[in-house]
Amino acid sequence: MLYPRERWIDEQFALGPQHDVLRDAIGTELDQLQGALMVRASPGPEGTGRCT
């Protein structure tokens, strides 16, 4: 575990509105990663399961 449970729930360490840009950037990166993973997982030509 990186930090004790108390640190994760302590309001002193909570993200606030000033972190909205960071949250948006992380969400965008995760969406792009998910899209890339879905493309890699899709079957290639003739159902070979390989990416094109």
N, C-alpha and C. Protein backbone atom coordinates (compact mmCIF):
# COMPACT_ATOMS: atom_id res chain seq x y z
N MET A 1 0.86 -1.17 0.00
CA MET A 1 0.00 0.00 0.00
C MET A 1 0.91 1.24 0.00
N LEU A 2 0.53 2.21 -0.80
CA LEU A 2 1.33 3.43 -0.88
C LEU A 2 1.19 4.31 0.35
N TYR A 3 -0.02 4.47 0.80
CA TYR A 3 -0.30 5.32 1.96
C TYR A 3 -1.29 4.61 2.85
N PRO A 4 -1.26 4.91 4.14
CA PRO A 4 -2.26 4.32 5.03
C PRO A 4 -3.67 4.80 4.66
N ARG A 5 -4.65 4.01 4.98
CA ARG A 5 -6.05 4.33 4.67
C ARG A 5 -6.44 5.73 5.16
N GLU A 6 -5.96 6.10 6.32
CA GLU A 6 -6.32 7.41 6.89
C GLU A 6 -5.92 8.55 5.95
N ARG A 7 -4.82 8.39 5.26
CA ARG A 7 -4.36 9.46 4.36
C ARG A 7 -5.32 9.62 3.18
N TRP A 8 -5.88 8.53 2.69
CA TRP A 8 -6.78 8.59 1.54
C TRP A 8 -8.11 9.25 1.87
N ILE A 9 -8.54 9.16 3.12
CA ILE A 9 -9.84 9.72 3.49
C ILE A 9 -9.72 11.06 4.22
N ASP A 10 -8.50 11.50 4.50
CA ASP A 10 -8.28 12.77 5.20
C ASP A 10 -8.59 13.94 4.27
N GLU A 11 -9.49 14.83 4.70
CA GLU A 11 -9.89 15.97 3.87
C GLU A 11 -8.72 16.89 3.56
N GLN A 12 -7.70 16.87 4.38
CA GLN A 12 -6.52 17.70 4.14
C GLN A 12 -5.87 17.36 2.80
N PHE A 13 -6.00 16.12 2.36
CA PHE A 13 -5.37 15.67 1.12
C PHE A 13 -6.35 15.54 -0.04
N ALA A 14 -7.60 15.92 0.19
CA ALA A 14 -8.63 15.78 -0.85
C ALA A 14 -8.38 16.75 -2.00
N LEU A 15 -8.71 16.31 -3.21
CA LEU A 15 -8.64 17.19 -4.36
C LEU A 15 -9.85 18.12 -4.36
N GLY A 16 -9.62 19.36 -4.68
CA GLY A 16 -10.69 20.35 -4.71
C GLY A 16 -10.90 20.87 -6.12
N PRO A 17 -11.68 21.93 -6.26
CA PRO A 17 -11.98 22.50 -7.58
C PRO A 17 -10.73 22.93 -8.34
N GLN A 18 -9.67 23.29 -7.61
CA GLN A 18 -8.44 23.70 -8.28
C GLN A 18 -7.79 22.55 -9.04
N HIS A 19 -8.27 21.34 -8.82
CA HIS A 19 -7.72 20.16 -9.49
C HIS A 19 -8.58 19.70 -10.67
N ASP A 20 -9.60 20.47 -11.04
CA ASP A 20 -10.49 20.07 -12.13
C ASP A 20 -9.73 19.87 -13.45
N VAL A 21 -8.76 20.74 -13.72
CA VAL A 21 -7.98 20.61 -14.96
C VAL A 21 -7.21 19.29 -14.95
N LEU A 22 -6.65 18.96 -13.80
CA LEU A 22 -5.92 17.69 -13.67
C LEU A 22 -6.86 16.50 -13.88
N ARG A 23 -8.03 16.55 -13.27
CA ARG A 23 -9.01 15.46 -13.45
C ARG A 23 -9.39 15.30 -14.92
N ASP A 24 -9.64 16.41 -15.60
CA ASP A 24 -10.00 16.36 -17.01
C ASP A 24 -8.87 15.76 -17.85
N ALA A 25 -7.63 16.15 -17.56
CA ALA A 25 -6.49 15.63 -18.31
C ALA A 25 -6.33 14.13 -18.09
N ILE A 26 -6.49 13.68 -16.86
CA ILE A 26 -6.40 12.25 -16.56
C ILE A 26 -7.52 11.50 -17.27
N GLY A 27 -8.73 12.05 -17.25
CA GLY A 27 -9.86 11.40 -17.93
C GLY A 27 -9.63 11.28 -19.42
N THR A 28 -9.08 12.32 -20.04
CA THR A 28 -8.78 12.30 -21.46
C THR A 28 -7.75 11.22 -21.78
N GLU A 29 -6.70 11.16 -20.98
CA GLU A 29 -5.66 10.14 -21.19
C GLU A 29 -6.23 8.74 -21.04
N LEU A 30 -7.08 8.52 -20.04
CA LEU A 30 -7.68 7.20 -19.84
C LEU A 30 -8.60 6.83 -21.00
N ASP A 31 -9.36 7.81 -21.51
CA ASP A 31 -10.23 7.55 -22.66
C ASP A 31 -9.41 7.16 -23.88
N GLN A 32 -8.30 7.84 -24.10
CA GLN A 32 -7.44 7.52 -25.24
C GLN A 32 -6.81 6.14 -25.08
N LEU A 33 -6.38 5.83 -23.87
CA LEU A 33 -5.80 4.52 -23.60
C LEU A 33 -6.83 3.42 -23.82
N GLN A 34 -8.04 3.64 -23.34
CA GLN A 34 -9.10 2.64 -23.52
C GLN A 34 -9.37 2.43 -25.01
N GLY A 35 -9.42 3.52 -25.77
CA GLY A 35 -9.65 3.41 -27.21
C GLY A 35 -8.53 2.64 -27.89
N ALA A 36 -7.28 2.90 -27.50
CA ALA A 36 -6.14 2.20 -28.08
C ALA A 36 -6.18 0.71 -27.73
N LEU A 37 -6.58 0.40 -26.52
CA LEU A 37 -6.66 -1.01 -26.12
C LEU A 37 -7.77 -1.73 -26.87
N MET A 38 -8.87 -1.04 -27.13
CA MET A 38 -9.98 -1.66 -27.87
C MET A 38 -9.56 -1.92 -29.30
N VAL A 39 -8.80 -1.03 -29.90
CA VAL A 39 -8.33 -1.23 -31.28
C VAL A 39 -7.40 -2.42 -31.32
N ARG A 40 -6.50 -2.54 -30.35
CA ARG A 40 -5.55 -3.65 -30.33
C ARG A 40 -6.26 -4.99 -30.12
N ALA A 41 -7.38 -4.97 -29.40
CA ALA A 41 -8.09 -6.21 -29.10
C ALA A 41 -9.03 -6.64 -30.22
N SER A 42 -9.30 -5.75 -31.18
CA SER A 42 -10.23 -6.12 -32.24
C SER A 42 -9.57 -7.07 -33.22
N PRO A 43 -10.35 -7.99 -33.80
CA PRO A 43 -9.78 -8.97 -34.73
C PRO A 43 -9.27 -8.30 -36.00
N GLY A 44 -8.22 -8.86 -36.54
CA GLY A 44 -7.65 -8.36 -37.79
C GLY A 44 -8.34 -8.97 -38.98
N PRO A 45 -7.72 -8.89 -40.14
CA PRO A 45 -8.32 -9.45 -41.36
C PRO A 45 -8.52 -10.96 -41.24
N GLU A 46 -9.50 -11.45 -41.89
CA GLU A 46 -9.86 -12.87 -41.91
C GLU A 46 -10.04 -13.46 -40.52
N GLY A 47 -10.38 -12.61 -39.54
CA GLY A 47 -10.62 -13.13 -38.19
C GLY A 47 -9.40 -13.72 -37.54
N THR A 48 -8.20 -13.24 -37.89
CA THR A 48 -6.97 -13.79 -37.34
C THR A 48 -6.73 -13.37 -35.89
N GLY A 49 -7.42 -12.32 -35.47
CA GLY A 49 -7.20 -11.82 -34.13
C GLY A 49 -6.00 -10.90 -34.06
N ARG A 50 -5.38 -10.64 -35.19
CA ARG A 50 -4.21 -9.76 -35.22
C ARG A 50 -4.63 -8.37 -35.63
N CYS A 51 -3.95 -7.38 -35.07
CA CYS A 51 -4.24 -5.99 -35.41
C CYS A 51 -3.66 -5.67 -36.76
N THR A 52 -4.31 -4.72 -37.43
CA THR A 52 -3.79 -4.30 -38.73
C THR A 52 -3.03 -3.02 -38.58
